[in-house]
C-alpha atoms as a PDB file:
ATOM      1  CA  MET A   1       0.788 -12.016  16.878  1.00  0.00           C
ATOM      2  CA  MET A   2      -1.844 -14.782  19.285  1.00  0.00           C
ATOM      3  CA  GLN A   3      -4.111 -14.378  15.962  1.00  0.00           C
ATOM      4  CA  GLU A   4      -1.328 -15.379  13.452  1.00  0.00           C
ATOM      5  CA  PHE A   5      -0.937 -18.089  15.398  1.00  0.00           C
ATOM      6  CA  LYS A   6      -4.133 -19.283  15.765  1.00  0.00           C
ATOM      7  CA  ASP A   7      -4.474 -18.869  11.437  1.00  0.00           C
ATOM      8  CA  PHE A   8      -1.329 -20.920  11.813  1.00  0.00           C
ATOM      9  CA  ILE A   9      -2.733 -23.668  13.703  1.00  0.00           C
ATOM     10  CA  ALA A  10      -5.795 -24.050  11.790  1.00  0.00           C
ATOM     11  CA  LYS A  11      -4.426 -24.302   8.632  1.00  0.00           C
ATOM     12  CA  GLY A  12      -5.185 -27.676   7.311  1.00  0.00           C
ATOM     13  CA  ASN A  13      -1.766 -28.402   6.176  1.00  0.00           C
ATOM     14  CA  VAL A  14      -0.786 -27.658   9.486  1.00  0.00           C
ATOM     15  CA  MET A  15      -3.484 -30.822  10.625  1.00  0.00           C
ATOM     16  CA  ASP A  16      -2.051 -32.483   7.753  1.00  0.00           C
ATOM     17  CA  MET A  17       1.355 -32.845   9.069  1.00  0.00           C
ATOM     18  CA  ALA A  18       0.077 -32.682  12.877  1.00  0.00           C
ATOM     19  CA  VAL A  19      -1.811 -36.360  12.338  1.00  0.00           C
ATOM     20  CA  GLY A  20       1.403 -37.573   9.706  1.00  0.00           C
ATOM     21  CA  ILE A  21       3.872 -37.328  12.181  1.00  0.00           C
ATOM     22  CA  ILE A  22       1.662 -39.549  15.117  1.00  0.00           C
ATOM     23  CA  ILE A  23       0.349 -41.894  12.062  1.00  0.00           C
ATOM     24  CA  GLY A  24       4.764 -42.103  11.546  1.00  0.00           C
ATOM     25  CA  ALA A  25       5.797 -42.920  15.131  1.00  0.00           C
ATOM     26  CA  ALA A  26       2.913 -45.254  15.535  1.00  0.00           C
ATOM     27  CA  PHE A  27       4.324 -46.855  12.045  1.00  0.00           C
ATOM     28  CA  THR A  28       7.697 -46.455  13.380  1.00  0.00           C
ATOM     29  CA  ALA A  29       7.341 -48.751  15.893  1.00  0.00           C
ATOM     30  CA  ILE A  30       5.351 -51.831  13.708  1.00  0.00           C
ATOM     31  CA  VAL A  31       8.109 -51.471  11.165  1.00  0.00           C
ATOM     32  CA  LYS A  32      10.914 -51.769  14.480  1.00  0.00           C
ATOM     33  CA  SER A  33       9.280 -54.449  15.370  1.00  0.00           C
ATOM     34  CA  MET A  34       8.785 -56.189  12.231  1.00  0.00           C
ATOM     35  CA  VAL A  35      12.610 -55.568  11.722  1.00  0.00           C
ATOM     36  CA  GLY A  36      14.342 -56.572  15.242  1.00  0.00           C
ATOM     37  CA  ASP A  37      11.492 -59.244  16.157  1.00  0.00           C
ATOM     38  CA  LEU A  38      10.668 -61.125  12.139  1.00  0.00           C
ATOM     39  CA  ILE A  39      13.325 -60.184   9.970  1.00  0.00           C
ATOM     40  CA  ASN A  40      16.656 -60.186  11.378  1.00  0.00           C
ATOM     41  CA  PRO A  41      16.105 -63.634  12.899  1.00  0.00           C
ATOM     42  CA  PHE A  42      16.084 -64.578   9.198  1.00  0.00           C
ATOM     43  CA  VAL A  43      19.297 -62.192   8.365  1.00  0.00           C
ATOM     44  CA  GLY A  44      20.927 -64.268  11.561  1.00  0.00           C
ATOM     45  CA  LEU A  45      19.854 -67.426  10.567  1.00  0.00           C
ATOM     46  CA  PHE A  46      21.299 -67.395   6.864  1.00  0.00           C
ATOM     47  CA  MET A  47      24.695 -65.447   7.771  1.00  0.00           C
ATOM     48  CA  GLY A  48      25.245 -68.312  10.260  1.00  0.00           C
ATOM     49  CA  GLY A  49      23.623 -67.219  13.070  1.00  0.00           C
ATOM     50  CA  VAL A  50      25.997 -64.438  13.321  1.00  0.00           C
ATOM     51  CA  ASP A  51      24.232 -61.213  15.473  1.00  0.00           C
ATOM     52  CA  PHE A  52      26.467 -58.249  14.815  1.00  0.00           C
ATOM     53  CA  THR A  53      25.051 -56.258  17.581  1.00  0.00           C
ATOM     54  CA  ASN A  54      27.673 -57.302  20.288  1.00  0.00           C
ATOM     55  CA  MET A  55      30.722 -57.316  17.716  1.00  0.00           C
ATOM     56  CA  TYR A  56      32.997 -54.074  18.742  1.00  0.00           C
ATOM     57  CA  VAL A  57      36.632 -53.460  19.229  1.00  0.00           C
ATOM     58  CA  VAL A  58      38.329 -52.294  22.730  1.00  0.00           C
ATOM     59  CA  LEU A  59      39.984 -49.332  22.498  1.00  0.00           C
ATOM     60  CA  ALA A  60      40.892 -48.656  26.029  1.00  0.00           C
ATOM     61  CA  GLY A  61      39.874 -50.110  29.085  1.00  0.00           C
ATOM     62  CA  GLU A  62      39.821 -53.948  29.756  1.00  0.00           C
ATOM     63  CA  VAL A  63      36.899 -55.784  29.379  1.00  0.00           C
ATOM     64  CA  ALA A  64      36.044 -59.923  29.827  1.00  0.00           C
ATOM     65  CA  GLU A  65      37.023 -61.469  26.483  1.00  0.00           C
ATOM     66  CA  GLY A  66      33.278 -63.051  25.228  1.00  0.00           C
ATOM     67  CA  ALA A  67      31.512 -60.022  27.187  1.00  0.00           C
ATOM     68  CA  SER A  68      28.214 -58.673  25.547  1.00  0.00           C
ATOM     69  CA  LEU A  69      28.238 -54.571  24.219  1.00  0.00           C
ATOM     70  CA  GLU A  70      26.454 -53.612  27.254  1.00  0.00           C
ATOM     71  CA  ALA A  71      28.531 -54.939  29.248  1.00  0.00           C
ATOM     72  CA  ALA A  72      32.398 -53.969  28.112  1.00  0.00           C
ATOM     73  CA  ARG A  73      30.197 -50.022  27.957  1.00  0.00           C
ATOM     74  CA  GLU A  74      28.970 -50.816  31.906  1.00  0.00           C
ATOM     75  CA  ALA A  75      32.601 -51.933  32.502  1.00  0.00           C
ATOM     76  CA  GLY A  76      33.426 -48.031  31.046  1.00  0.00           C
ATOM     77  CA  ALA A  77      35.727 -49.180  28.248  1.00  0.00           C
ATOM     78  CA  ALA A  78      36.281 -47.307  24.879  1.00  0.00           C
ATOM     79  CA  VAL A  79      34.109 -49.274  22.211  1.00  0.00           C
ATOM     80  CA  PHE A  80      34.482 -48.808  18.474  1.00  0.00           C
ATOM     81  CA  ALA A  81      30.817 -50.840  17.954  1.00  0.00           C
ATOM     82  CA  TRP A  82      31.098 -51.639  14.278  1.00  0.00           C
ATOM     83  CA  GLY A  83      28.229 -53.801  14.751  1.00  0.00           C
ATOM     84  CA  SER A  84      25.826 -51.812  15.786  1.00  0.00           C
ATOM     85  CA  PHE A  85      26.603 -49.513  12.836  1.00  0.00           C
ATOM     86  CA  VAL A  86      26.232 -52.492  10.190  1.00  0.00           C
ATOM     87  CA  MET A  87      23.063 -53.693  12.199  1.00  0.00           C
ATOM     88  CA  ALA A  88      21.993 -50.226  11.959  1.00  0.00           C
ATOM     89  CA  ILE A  89      22.753 -50.278   8.113  1.00  0.00           C
ATOM     90  CA  ILE A  90      21.060 -53.348   7.587  1.00  0.00           C
ATOM     91  CA  ASN A  91      17.873 -52.626   9.585  1.00  0.00           C
ATOM     92  CA  PHE A  92      17.975 -49.011   7.081  1.00  0.00           C
ATOM     93  CA  LEU A  93      18.232 -50.821   4.083  1.00  0.00           C
ATOM     94  CA  ILE A  94      15.120 -53.062   5.309  1.00  0.00           C
ATOM     95  CA  ILE A  95      12.561 -50.060   6.892  1.00  0.00           C
ATOM     96  CA  ALA A  96      13.366 -48.796   3.349  1.00  0.00           C
ATOM     97  CA  PHE A  97      12.404 -51.002   1.350  1.00  0.00           C
ATOM     98  CA  VAL A  98       8.922 -51.977   3.454  1.00  0.00           C
ATOM     99  CA  VAL A  99       8.627 -48.232   3.173  1.00  0.00           C
ATOM    100  CA  PHE A 100       9.495 -48.325  -0.891  1.00  0.00           C
ATOM    101  CA  MET A 101       6.660 -51.438  -1.437  1.00  0.00           C
ATOM    102  CA  LEU A 102       4.125 -49.238   0.916  1.00  0.00           C
ATOM    103  CA  VAL A 103       4.462 -46.953  -1.597  1.00  0.00           C
ATOM    104  CA  ARG A 104       4.370 -48.536  -4.042  1.00  0.00           C
ATOM    105  CA  TYR A 105       1.235 -50.413  -3.492  1.00  0.00           C
ATOM    106  CA  VAL A 106      -0.530 -46.985  -2.438  1.00  0.00           C
ATOM    107  CA  ASN A 107       0.334 -45.489  -6.017  1.00  0.00           C
ATOM    108  CA  LYS A 108      -1.207 -48.335  -7.383  1.00  0.00           C
ATOM    109  CA  VAL A 109      -3.977 -48.372  -6.237  1.00  0.00           C
ATOM    110  CA  LYS A 110      -3.949 -44.265  -6.271  1.00  0.00           C
ATOM    111  CA  GLU A 111      -4.066 -45.285  -9.775  1.00  0.00           C
ATOM    112  CA  ALA A 112      -7.046 -47.602  -9.644  1.00  0.00           C
ATOM    113  CA  ALA A 113      -8.762 -45.740  -8.382  1.00  0.00           C
ATOM    114  CA  ALA A 114      -7.854 -43.029 -11.080  1.00  0.00           C
ATOM    115  CA  GLU A 115      -8.961 -44.999 -13.638  1.00  0.00           C
ATOM    116  CA  ALA A 116     -12.038 -46.129 -12.683  1.00  0.00           C
ATOM    117  CA  GLU A 117     -12.755 -42.031 -12.070  1.00  0.00           C
ATOM    118  CA  GLU A 118     -12.138 -42.368 -15.419  1.00  0.00           C
ATOM    119  CA  GLU A 119     -14.241 -45.341 -17.067  1.00  0.00           C
ATOM    120  CA  ALA A 120     -17.530 -44.185 -15.144  1.00  0.00           C
ATOM    121  CA  PRO A 121     -19.847 -42.635 -17.499  1.00  0.00           C
ATOM    122  CA  ALA A 122     -20.132 -39.003 -17.080  1.00  0.00           C
ATOM    123  CA  GLU A 123     -23.714 -37.473 -15.694  1.00  0.00           C
ATOM    124  CA  GLU A 124     -24.969 -36.128 -18.399  1.00  0.00           C
ATOM    125  CA  ALA A 125     -26.801 -32.513 -17.204  1.00  0.00           C
ATOM    126  CA  PRO A 126     -30.858 -32.631 -18.391  1.00  0.00           C
ATOM    127  CA  ALA A 127     -31.119 -31.193 -21.757  1.00  0.00           C
ATOM    128  CA  GLY A 128     -33.583 -28.035 -21.294  1.00  0.00           C
ATOM    129  CA  PRO A 129     -34.783 -26.088 -24.028  1.00  0.00           C
ATOM    130  CA  SER A 130     -32.444 -24.574 -25.791  1.00  0.00           C
ATOM    131  CA  GLU A 131     -32.071 -20.692 -26.413  1.00  0.00           C
ATOM    132  CA  LEU A 132     -33.876 -20.564 -29.869  1.00  0.00           C
ATOM    133  CA  ASP A 133     -36.327 -23.097 -28.612  1.00  0.00           C
ATOM    134  CA  VAL A 134     -36.920 -20.127 -25.723  1.00  0.00           C
ATOM    135  CA  LEU A 135     -37.026 -17.642 -28.308  1.00  0.00           C
ATOM    136  CA  LEU A 136     -39.024 -18.951 -30.676  1.00  0.00           C
ATOM    137  CA  GLU A 137     -41.939 -19.086 -26.757  1.00  0.00           C
ATOM    138  CA  ILE A 138     -41.407 -16.327 -26.259  1.00  0.00           C
ATOM    139  CA  ARG A 139     -42.595 -15.018 -29.674  1.00  0.00           C
ATOM    140  CA  ASP A 140     -45.466 -17.382 -30.120  1.00  0.00           C
ATOM    141  CA  SER A 141     -46.930 -16.174 -26.953  1.00  0.00           C
ATOM    142  CA  LEU A 142     -46.181 -12.692 -28.204  1.00  0.00           C
ATOM    143  CA  GLU A 143     -48.246 -13.215 -31.229  1.00  0.00           C
ATOM    144  CA  LYS A 144     -51.536 -14.549 -29.271  1.00  0.00           C
END
């Protein structure tokens, strides 16, 4: 069983997957910051300064009017946080678009590299004597 585990870990695709997960986690932090710190303020600006995050409906419990979602939850109220859900959808759409643009760019770079590779002249193997030339040379040397 231990040998099977070592063989599994040693496979290239497992290592590629591990690297992908690590890079994905780092990329997630970058995209999350971009969405939260750069894009969402503009979305709020275009929507008249509306911040959906603190929009909710109190289902049960007492909450002071105008209290934030966090304050309502700390007060122990049951809340229907529809604003957080709307923000999650907006964030998802923005992240999906950013990932789409990244994949599109990577595909263009790969296509350009493949075209450059096709256009590069293939190195020809040095021309050596043909089979006929070798046989004629052997014949001539045997005749001597």
